[in-house]
C-alpha atoms as a PDB file:
ATOM      1  CA  MET A   1      20.135  -2.767  22.127  1.00  0.00           C
ATOM      2  CA  MET A   2      23.495  -1.268  20.245  1.00  0.00           C
ATOM      3  CA  VAL A   3      23.449   2.145  19.438  1.00  0.00           C
ATOM      4  CA  ALA A   4      26.153   3.891  17.627  1.00  0.00           C
ATOM      5  CA  ALA A   5      27.190   7.574  16.993  1.00  0.00           C
ATOM      6  CA  ARG A   6      29.643   9.619  15.124  1.00  0.00           C
ATOM      7  CA  ARG A   7      30.285  13.360  15.444  1.00  0.00           C
ATOM      8  CA  VAL A   8      29.484  15.362  12.340  1.00  0.00           C
ATOM      9  CA  GLU A   9      29.757  18.917  13.685  1.00  0.00           C
ATOM     10  CA  ALA A  10      31.531  20.453  16.744  1.00  0.00           C
ATOM     11  CA  ALA A  11      30.580  24.198  16.385  1.00  0.00           C
ATOM     12  CA  GLY A  12      31.120  26.537  19.494  1.00  0.00           C
ATOM     13  CA  ASP A  13      27.417  26.311  20.805  1.00  0.00           C
ATOM     14  CA  GLU A  14      26.633  22.727  19.889  1.00  0.00           C
ATOM     15  CA  VAL A  15      28.125  19.339  19.216  1.00  0.00           C
ATOM     16  CA  ARG A  16      26.003  17.341  16.606  1.00  0.00           C
ATOM     17  CA  TYR A  17      25.783  13.499  16.028  1.00  0.00           C
ATOM     18  CA  GLU A  18      24.452  11.258  13.845  1.00  0.00           C
ATOM     19  CA  PHE A  19      23.363   8.262  15.393  1.00  0.00           C
ATOM     20  CA  GLY A  20      21.105   5.173  15.104  1.00  0.00           C
ATOM     21  CA  PHE A  21      20.922   1.554  15.472  1.00  0.00           C
ATOM     22  CA  GLU A  22      23.918  -0.999  14.336  1.00  0.00           C
ATOM     23  CA  ASP A  23      25.380   2.049  12.425  1.00  0.00           C
ATOM     24  CA  ARG A  24      22.331   3.064  10.511  1.00  0.00           C
ATOM     25  CA  PHE A  25      23.108   6.823  11.319  1.00  0.00           C
ATOM     26  CA  ASP A  26      19.080   7.966  10.717  1.00  0.00           C
ATOM     27  CA  ARG A  27      19.059  10.575  13.761  1.00  0.00           C
ATOM     28  CA  ILE A  28      20.709  13.416  14.976  1.00  0.00           C
ATOM     29  CA  LEU A  29      21.617  14.258  18.340  1.00  0.00           C
ATOM     30  CA  THR A  30      22.819  17.571  19.579  1.00  0.00           C
ATOM     31  CA  ILE A  31      24.299  18.543  22.865  1.00  0.00           C
ATOM     32  CA  ASN A  32      25.109  22.138  24.155  1.00  0.00           C
ATOM     33  CA  PRO A  33      28.652  21.973  25.601  1.00  0.00           C
ATOM     34  CA  ASP A  34      28.120  24.628  27.904  1.00  0.00           C
ATOM     35  CA  THR A  35      24.666  23.060  29.870  1.00  0.00           C
ATOM     36  CA  LEU A  36      25.072  19.445  28.386  1.00  0.00           C
ATOM     37  CA  GLU A  37      21.533  19.646  27.581  1.00  0.00           C
ATOM     38  CA  ALA A  38      20.899  16.896  24.838  1.00  0.00           C
ATOM     39  CA  ARG A  39      18.032  16.991  22.043  1.00  0.00           C
ATOM     40  CA  VAL A  40      17.294  15.084  18.833  1.00  0.00           C
ATOM     41  CA  GLN A  41      16.075  16.705  15.763  1.00  0.00           C
ATOM     42  CA  ASP A  42      13.198  14.546  15.485  1.00  0.00           C
ATOM     43  CA  GLY A  43      11.855  15.134  18.878  1.00  0.00           C
ATOM     44  CA  ASP A  44      11.421  11.725  20.027  1.00  0.00           C
ATOM     45  CA  PHE A  45      14.218  11.587  23.024  1.00  0.00           C
ATOM     46  CA  ASN A  46      13.581   7.852  23.488  1.00  0.00           C
ATOM     47  CA  SER A  47      15.708   5.185  25.364  1.00  0.00           C
ATOM     48  CA  ALA A  48      18.417   4.818  22.424  1.00  0.00           C
ATOM     49  CA  ALA A  49      18.621   8.514  22.454  1.00  0.00           C
ATOM     50  CA  SER A  50      19.190   8.685  26.127  1.00  0.00           C
ATOM     51  CA  ALA A  51      21.701   5.784  26.306  1.00  0.00           C
ATOM     52  CA  ILE A  52      23.912   7.247  23.772  1.00  0.00           C
ATOM     53  CA  ALA A  53      23.834  11.005  25.011  1.00  0.00           C
ATOM     54  CA  ALA A  54      24.498   9.501  28.453  1.00  0.00           C
ATOM     55  CA  LYS A  55      27.736   7.760  27.012  1.00  0.00           C
ATOM     56  CA  ILE A  56      28.611  10.777  25.001  1.00  0.00           C
ATOM     57  CA  VAL A  57      28.399  13.093  28.223  1.00  0.00           C
ATOM     58  CA  ASN A  58      30.324  10.796  30.447  1.00  0.00           C
ATOM     59  CA  ALA A  59      33.300  10.395  27.910  1.00  0.00           C
ATOM     60  CA  TRP A  60      33.483  14.264  27.721  1.00  0.00           C
ATOM     61  CA  ARG A  61      33.511  14.300  31.567  1.00  0.00           C
ATOM     62  CA  SER A  62      36.216  11.714  31.483  1.00  0.00           C
ATOM     63  CA  SER A  63      38.472  13.433  28.575  1.00  0.00           C
ATOM     64  CA  GLY A  64      37.459  17.261  28.504  1.00  0.00           C
ATOM     65  CA  GLU A  65      36.623  16.325  24.673  1.00  0.00           C
ATOM     66  CA  PHE A  66      33.693  15.110  22.986  1.00  0.00           C
ATOM     67  CA  PRO A  67      34.342  11.567  21.135  1.00  0.00           C
ATOM     68  CA  ALA A  68      34.511  11.098  17.401  1.00  0.00           C
ATOM     69  CA  ARG A  69      32.660   7.826  17.530  1.00  0.00           C
ATOM     70  CA  MET A  70      30.716   6.182  20.386  1.00  0.00           C
ATOM     71  CA  LEU A  71      29.185   2.993  20.906  1.00  0.00           C
ATOM     72  CA  PHE A  72      26.254   1.931  23.586  1.00  0.00           C
ATOM     73  CA  ALA A  73      25.260  -1.897  23.588  1.00  0.00           C
ATOM     74  CA  SER A  74      23.226  -3.367  26.482  1.00  0.00           C
END
């Protein structure tokens, strides 16, 4: 499984990413920077959403910034 994400917005109360399989950015992931709670726009928080959200949050914990792009491959 290869999931790619790109940051599209970083407002004060949420960070939004477009994500999908192999650069097909057809879903939206939103992360609350205060709580690190993640949700998807379509309501289907499946394994792809979970994997990319975890990768983004781990990158934030390491650097203190939400990455512009992220890739998860298993």
